[in-house]
Amino acid sequence: MNTQQRTYIISFRNTDSYRMTFDGSKEDLEKSPRIRQLHQELEDYIREHVADCNYIPQLTTPHIQEADDAGKYAGYPLLDAAAIDRIKQTLTIEARNMLDQKNLDRNAPFDNIN
């Protein structure tokens, strides 16, 4: 594993982007215990607050990109506990909106969905 400190920008679907540093490559970060734990925490939170949501894996999979110039992203908020709370709220709203849209589609005139 590469032990060079790198800056990464992380977001989930339509959430804000957050920065974090990690000693290793993007692939190492994606497989890291911290990202796996965060993914599970977000998944558990959405399941607890939104019933019957089939979109959870899409919502809780992080989009990670390596920052080519860490100084350019210095203004981005850190991925900390407060950021995770904001992500949870945003993803929960997004899950509810997806379910509402699915319900609207199901109640459309001449609906033939089984």
N, C-alpha and C. Protein backbone atom coordinates (compact mmCIF):
# COMPACT_ATOMS: atom_id res chain seq x y z
N MET A 1 0.84 -1.18 0.00
CA MET A 1 0.00 0.00 0.00
C MET A 1 0.88 1.24 0.00
N ASN A 2 0.49 2.20 -0.79
CA ASN A 2 1.19 3.47 -0.86
C ASN A 2 0.86 4.29 0.39
N THR A 3 1.87 4.84 1.04
CA THR A 3 1.63 5.57 2.29
C THR A 3 1.76 7.08 2.12
N GLN A 4 1.60 7.57 0.93
CA GLN A 4 1.66 9.00 0.68
C GLN A 4 0.32 9.64 1.05
N GLN A 5 0.38 10.71 1.84
CA GLN A 5 -0.84 11.44 2.24
C GLN A 5 -1.43 12.14 1.02
N ARG A 6 -2.70 11.85 0.73
CA ARG A 6 -3.38 12.44 -0.41
C ARG A 6 -4.71 13.02 0.04
N THR A 7 -5.20 13.99 -0.72
CA THR A 7 -6.50 14.61 -0.44
C THR A 7 -7.51 14.05 -1.44
N TYR A 8 -8.67 13.68 -0.90
CA TYR A 8 -9.75 13.14 -1.72
C TYR A 8 -11.02 13.95 -1.49
N ILE A 9 -11.82 14.06 -2.54
CA ILE A 9 -13.10 14.74 -2.47
C ILE A 9 -14.18 13.66 -2.55
N ILE A 10 -15.08 13.68 -1.57
CA ILE A 10 -16.09 12.63 -1.44
C ILE A 10 -17.48 13.26 -1.42
N SER A 11 -18.38 12.64 -2.17
CA SER A 11 -19.78 13.06 -2.14
C SER A 11 -20.66 11.82 -2.32
N PHE A 12 -21.91 11.98 -1.99
CA PHE A 12 -22.91 10.92 -2.14
C PHE A 12 -24.09 11.51 -2.89
N ARG A 13 -24.33 11.00 -4.10
CA ARG A 13 -25.42 11.49 -4.96
C ARG A 13 -25.43 13.02 -5.01
N ASN A 14 -26.46 13.67 -4.45
CA ASN A 14 -26.60 15.11 -4.54
C ASN A 14 -26.15 15.86 -3.28
N THR A 15 -25.32 15.23 -2.48
CA THR A 15 -24.84 15.91 -1.27
C THR A 15 -23.73 16.88 -1.63
N ASP A 16 -23.37 17.70 -0.67
CA ASP A 16 -22.20 18.54 -0.84
C ASP A 16 -20.97 17.65 -0.95
N SER A 17 -19.89 18.24 -1.40
CA SER A 17 -18.62 17.51 -1.49
C SER A 17 -17.78 17.84 -0.26
N TYR A 18 -17.08 16.84 0.22
CA TYR A 18 -16.26 16.98 1.42
C TYR A 18 -14.86 16.48 1.11
N ARG A 19 -13.90 16.98 1.85
CA ARG A 19 -12.52 16.55 1.64
C ARG A 19 -12.06 15.71 2.81
N MET A 20 -11.16 14.82 2.50
CA MET A 20 -10.51 14.04 3.55
C MET A 20 -9.14 13.65 3.05
N THR A 21 -8.24 13.44 3.98
CA THR A 21 -6.91 12.97 3.62
C THR A 21 -6.81 11.49 3.95
N PHE A 22 -6.01 10.81 3.17
CA PHE A 22 -5.85 9.37 3.35
C PHE A 22 -4.48 8.97 2.85
N ASP A 23 -3.87 8.06 3.55
CA ASP A 23 -2.56 7.54 3.17
C ASP A 23 -2.76 6.35 2.24
N GLY A 24 -2.84 6.61 0.95
CA GLY A 24 -3.01 5.54 -0.01
C GLY A 24 -3.75 5.97 -1.24
N SER A 25 -3.97 5.03 -2.11
CA SER A 25 -4.62 5.30 -3.39
C SER A 25 -6.14 5.39 -3.22
N LYS A 26 -6.78 5.81 -4.29
CA LYS A 26 -8.25 5.89 -4.30
C LYS A 26 -8.84 4.50 -4.06
N GLU A 27 -8.28 3.49 -4.68
CA GLU A 27 -8.77 2.13 -4.51
C GLU A 27 -8.63 1.67 -3.06
N ASP A 28 -7.51 2.04 -2.43
CA ASP A 28 -7.32 1.70 -1.01
C ASP A 28 -8.36 2.40 -0.15
N LEU A 29 -8.66 3.65 -0.47
CA LEU A 29 -9.66 4.40 0.29
C LEU A 29 -11.04 3.78 0.13
N GLU A 30 -11.40 3.41 -1.10
CA GLU A 30 -12.70 2.80 -1.35
C GLU A 30 -12.89 1.51 -0.55
N LYS A 31 -11.81 0.79 -0.32
CA LYS A 31 -11.86 -0.48 0.41
C LYS A 31 -11.54 -0.33 1.90
N SER A 32 -11.27 0.89 2.32
CA SER A 32 -10.84 1.12 3.70
C SER A 32 -11.97 0.89 4.70
N PRO A 33 -11.62 0.51 5.92
CA PRO A 33 -12.64 0.32 6.96
C PRO A 33 -13.46 1.59 7.22
N ARG A 34 -12.84 2.74 7.10
CA ARG A 34 -13.56 4.00 7.36
C ARG A 34 -14.69 4.20 6.34
N ILE A 35 -14.41 3.98 5.07
CA ILE A 35 -15.44 4.16 4.04
C ILE A 35 -16.49 3.07 4.16
N ARG A 36 -16.08 1.86 4.42
CA ARG A 36 -17.05 0.77 4.60
C ARG A 36 -17.97 1.04 5.78
N GLN A 37 -17.39 1.52 6.87
CA GLN A 37 -18.19 1.84 8.06
C GLN A 37 -19.14 2.99 7.78
N LEU A 38 -18.68 4.00 7.05
CA LEU A 38 -19.52 5.14 6.69
C LEU A 38 -20.66 4.69 5.78
N HIS A 39 -20.36 3.87 4.81
CA HIS A 39 -21.39 3.32 3.92
C HIS A 39 -22.46 2.59 4.72
N GLN A 40 -22.04 1.75 5.66
CA GLN A 40 -22.98 0.99 6.48
C GLN A 40 -23.80 1.90 7.40
N GLU A 41 -23.15 2.91 7.97
CA GLU A 41 -23.85 3.86 8.85
C GLU A 41 -24.93 4.61 8.08
N LEU A 42 -24.62 5.05 6.88
CA LEU A 42 -25.60 5.76 6.06
C LEU A 42 -26.74 4.83 5.66
N GLU A 43 -26.39 3.62 5.28
CA GLU A 43 -27.41 2.63 4.89
C GLU A 43 -28.36 2.35 6.04
N ASP A 44 -27.81 2.12 7.23
CA ASP A 44 -28.63 1.84 8.41
C ASP A 44 -29.55 3.01 8.74
N TYR A 45 -29.01 4.22 8.63
CA TYR A 45 -29.79 5.41 8.95
C TYR A 45 -30.98 5.56 7.99
N ILE A 46 -30.73 5.39 6.70
CA ILE A 46 -31.81 5.55 5.73
C ILE A 46 -32.85 4.45 5.91
N ARG A 47 -32.42 3.22 6.14
CA ARG A 47 -33.36 2.12 6.36
C ARG A 47 -34.24 2.40 7.58
N GLU A 48 -33.67 3.02 8.59
CA GLU A 48 -34.41 3.33 9.81
C GLU A 48 -35.46 4.42 9.57
N HIS A 49 -35.17 5.37 8.68
CA HIS A 49 -36.03 6.52 8.49
C HIS A 49 -36.90 6.49 7.24
N VAL A 50 -36.62 5.58 6.33
CA VAL A 50 -37.40 5.49 5.09
C VAL A 50 -37.74 4.03 4.85
N ALA A 51 -39.02 3.73 4.90
CA ALA A 51 -39.45 2.34 4.72
C ALA A 51 -39.43 1.95 3.25
N ASP A 52 -39.11 0.72 2.98
CA ASP A 52 -39.21 0.13 1.63
C ASP A 52 -38.45 0.90 0.56
N CYS A 53 -37.27 1.33 0.85
CA CYS A 53 -36.48 2.05 -0.15
C CYS A 53 -35.50 1.08 -0.80
N ASN A 54 -35.68 0.87 -2.11
CA ASN A 54 -34.79 -0.03 -2.85
C ASN A 54 -33.58 0.70 -3.42
N TYR A 55 -33.49 1.99 -3.19
CA TYR A 55 -32.43 2.81 -3.79
C TYR A 55 -31.25 3.04 -2.85
N ILE A 56 -31.26 2.42 -1.69
CA ILE A 56 -30.23 2.70 -0.69
C ILE A 56 -28.81 2.46 -1.20
N PRO A 57 -28.53 1.36 -1.87
CA PRO A 57 -27.15 1.18 -2.36
C PRO A 57 -26.71 2.29 -3.31
N GLN A 58 -27.61 2.79 -4.13
CA GLN A 58 -27.28 3.90 -5.03
C GLN A 58 -26.99 5.17 -4.25
N LEU A 59 -27.73 5.38 -3.18
CA LEU A 59 -27.58 6.60 -2.40
C LEU A 59 -26.33 6.59 -1.53
N THR A 60 -25.96 5.44 -1.02
CA THR A 60 -24.89 5.37 -0.03
C THR A 60 -23.52 5.01 -0.60
N THR A 61 -23.44 4.83 -1.90
CA THR A 61 -22.16 4.56 -2.54
C THR A 61 -21.45 5.89 -2.77
N PRO A 62 -20.27 6.05 -2.21
CA PRO A 62 -19.59 7.34 -2.33
C PRO A 62 -18.98 7.55 -3.72
N HIS A 63 -18.96 8.79 -4.13
CA HIS A 63 -18.22 9.19 -5.32
C HIS A 63 -16.92 9.81 -4.79
N ILE A 64 -15.81 9.18 -5.11
CA ILE A 64 -14.51 9.62 -4.59
C ILE A 64 -13.62 10.02 -5.76
N GLN A 65 -13.01 11.17 -5.63
CA GLN A 65 -12.01 11.58 -6.63
C GLN A 65 -10.80 12.15 -5.90
N GLU A 66 -9.65 11.89 -6.46
CA GLU A 66 -8.43 12.42 -5.87
C GLU A 66 -8.28 13.88 -6.29
N ALA A 67 -7.94 14.73 -5.33
CA ALA A 67 -7.73 16.15 -5.61
C ALA A 67 -6.36 16.31 -6.25
N ASP A 68 -6.36 16.87 -7.44
CA ASP A 68 -5.09 17.07 -8.14
C ASP A 68 -4.25 18.16 -7.47
N ASP A 69 -4.91 19.13 -6.88
CA ASP A 69 -4.23 20.23 -6.18
C ASP A 69 -4.96 20.44 -4.86
N ALA A 70 -4.39 19.93 -3.77
CA ALA A 70 -5.06 19.98 -2.47
C ALA A 70 -5.40 21.42 -2.06
N GLY A 71 -4.56 22.38 -2.42
CA GLY A 71 -4.81 23.77 -2.07
C GLY A 71 -6.07 24.32 -2.71
N LYS A 72 -6.39 23.83 -3.88
CA LYS A 72 -7.59 24.27 -4.59
C LYS A 72 -8.86 23.87 -3.84
N TYR A 73 -8.79 22.81 -3.05
CA TYR A 73 -9.95 22.30 -2.33
C TYR A 73 -9.90 22.61 -0.83
N ALA A 74 -9.02 23.49 -0.43
CA ALA A 74 -8.87 23.81 0.99
C ALA A 74 -10.14 24.37 1.61
N GLY A 75 -10.99 25.00 0.82
CA GLY A 75 -12.23 25.56 1.32
C GLY A 75 -13.35 24.55 1.51
N TYR A 76 -13.15 23.34 1.01
CA TYR A 76 -14.17 22.31 1.17
C TYR A 76 -14.22 21.87 2.62
N PRO A 77 -15.42 21.62 3.15
CA PRO A 77 -15.51 21.16 4.54
C PRO A 77 -14.93 19.74 4.68
N LEU A 78 -14.41 19.47 5.86
CA LEU A 78 -13.88 18.13 6.15
C LEU A 78 -15.02 17.13 6.31
N LEU A 79 -14.74 15.90 5.98
CA LEU A 79 -15.70 14.82 6.21
C LEU A 79 -15.57 14.42 7.67
N ASP A 80 -16.36 15.09 8.52
CA ASP A 80 -16.33 14.83 9.95
C ASP A 80 -17.74 14.45 10.42
N ALA A 81 -17.94 14.36 11.71
CA ALA A 81 -19.23 13.93 12.26
C ALA A 81 -20.37 14.87 11.84
N ALA A 82 -20.12 16.17 11.84
CA ALA A 82 -21.16 17.13 11.43
C ALA A 82 -21.49 16.94 9.95
N ALA A 83 -20.49 16.70 9.13
CA ALA A 83 -20.72 16.47 7.70
C ALA A 83 -21.53 15.20 7.49
N ILE A 84 -21.23 14.17 8.25
CA ILE A 84 -21.96 12.91 8.12
C ILE A 84 -23.42 13.10 8.48
N ASP A 85 -23.70 13.90 9.50
CA ASP A 85 -25.10 14.20 9.86
C ASP A 85 -25.81 14.92 8.71
N ARG A 86 -25.13 15.87 8.07
CA ARG A 86 -25.73 16.57 6.92
C ARG A 86 -25.97 15.61 5.77
N ILE A 87 -25.03 14.71 5.54
CA ILE A 87 -25.18 13.72 4.47
C ILE A 87 -26.38 12.83 4.76
N LYS A 88 -26.53 12.39 5.99
CA LYS A 88 -27.67 11.55 6.37
C LYS A 88 -28.99 12.26 6.06
N GLN A 89 -29.08 13.53 6.43
CA GLN A 89 -30.31 14.29 6.20
C GLN A 89 -30.60 14.43 4.71
N THR A 90 -29.58 14.77 3.94
CA THR A 90 -29.75 14.95 2.50
C THR A 90 -30.17 13.66 1.82
N LEU A 91 -29.51 12.56 2.16
CA LEU A 91 -29.82 11.27 1.54
C LEU A 91 -31.20 10.76 1.95
N THR A 92 -31.61 11.04 3.17
CA THR A 92 -32.95 10.65 3.62
C THR A 92 -34.01 11.40 2.82
N ILE A 93 -33.82 12.68 2.63
CA ILE A 93 -34.75 13.47 1.82
C ILE A 93 -34.77 12.93 0.39
N GLU A 94 -33.61 12.63 -0.14
CA GLU A 94 -33.54 12.12 -1.50
C GLU A 94 -34.25 10.76 -1.62
N ALA A 95 -34.08 9.90 -0.62
CA ALA A 95 -34.76 8.60 -0.63
C ALA A 95 -36.27 8.79 -0.60
N ARG A 96 -36.74 9.70 0.24
CA ARG A 96 -38.19 9.98 0.31
C ARG A 96 -38.70 10.53 -1.02
N ASN A 97 -37.93 11.42 -1.63
CA ASN A 97 -38.34 11.97 -2.93
C ASN A 97 -38.41 10.89 -4.00
N MET A 98 -37.47 9.96 -3.98
CA MET A 98 -37.49 8.86 -4.95
C MET A 98 -38.73 7.99 -4.76
N LEU A 99 -39.06 7.72 -3.51
CA LEU A 99 -40.25 6.92 -3.23
C LEU A 99 -41.53 7.67 -3.59
N ASP A 100 -41.56 8.96 -3.32
CA ASP A 100 -42.73 9.77 -3.70
C ASP A 100 -42.91 9.76 -5.21
N GLN A 101 -41.81 9.90 -5.94
CA GLN A 101 -41.90 9.90 -7.41
C GLN A 101 -42.38 8.54 -7.90
N LYS A 102 -41.88 7.49 -7.30
CA LYS A 102 -42.31 6.14 -7.68
C LYS A 102 -43.81 5.98 -7.43
N ASN A 103 -44.28 6.50 -6.31
CA ASN A 103 -45.70 6.43 -5.98
C ASN A 103 -46.54 7.25 -6.96
N LEU A 104 -46.06 8.43 -7.31
CA LEU A 104 -46.78 9.25 -8.29
C LEU A 104 -46.86 8.52 -9.64
N ASP A 105 -45.78 7.90 -10.03
CA ASP A 105 -45.79 7.16 -11.30
C ASP A 105 -46.77 5.99 -11.24
N ARG A 106 -46.84 5.38 -10.10
CA ARG A 106 -47.72 4.23 -9.92
C ARG A 106 -49.19 4.66 -9.98
N ASN A 107 -49.48 5.86 -9.55
CA ASN A 107 -50.86 6.36 -9.54
C ASN A 107 -51.21 7.13 -10.81
N ALA A 108 -50.36 7.07 -11.80
CA ALA A 108 -50.61 7.76 -13.03
C ALA A 108 -51.84 7.18 -13.75
N PRO A 109 -52.54 8.00 -14.53
CA PRO A 109 -53.67 7.48 -15.29
C PRO A 109 -53.23 6.33 -16.20
N PHE A 110 -54.07 5.36 -16.32
CA PHE A 110 -53.84 4.20 -17.18
C PHE A 110 -52.62 3.39 -16.74
N ASP A 111 -52.34 3.43 -15.46
CA ASP A 111 -51.21 2.68 -14.91
C ASP A 111 -51.40 1.20 -15.14
N ASN A 112 -50.37 0.54 -15.55
CA ASN A 112 -50.41 -0.88 -15.78
C ASN A 112 -49.32 -1.61 -15.02
N ILE A 113 -48.82 -1.03 -13.97
CA ILE A 113 -47.75 -1.63 -13.19
C ILE A 113 -48.33 -2.71 -12.29
N ASN A 114 -47.74 -3.88 -12.30
CA ASN A 114 -48.22 -4.99 -11.46
C ASN A 114 -47.49 -5.04 -10.16
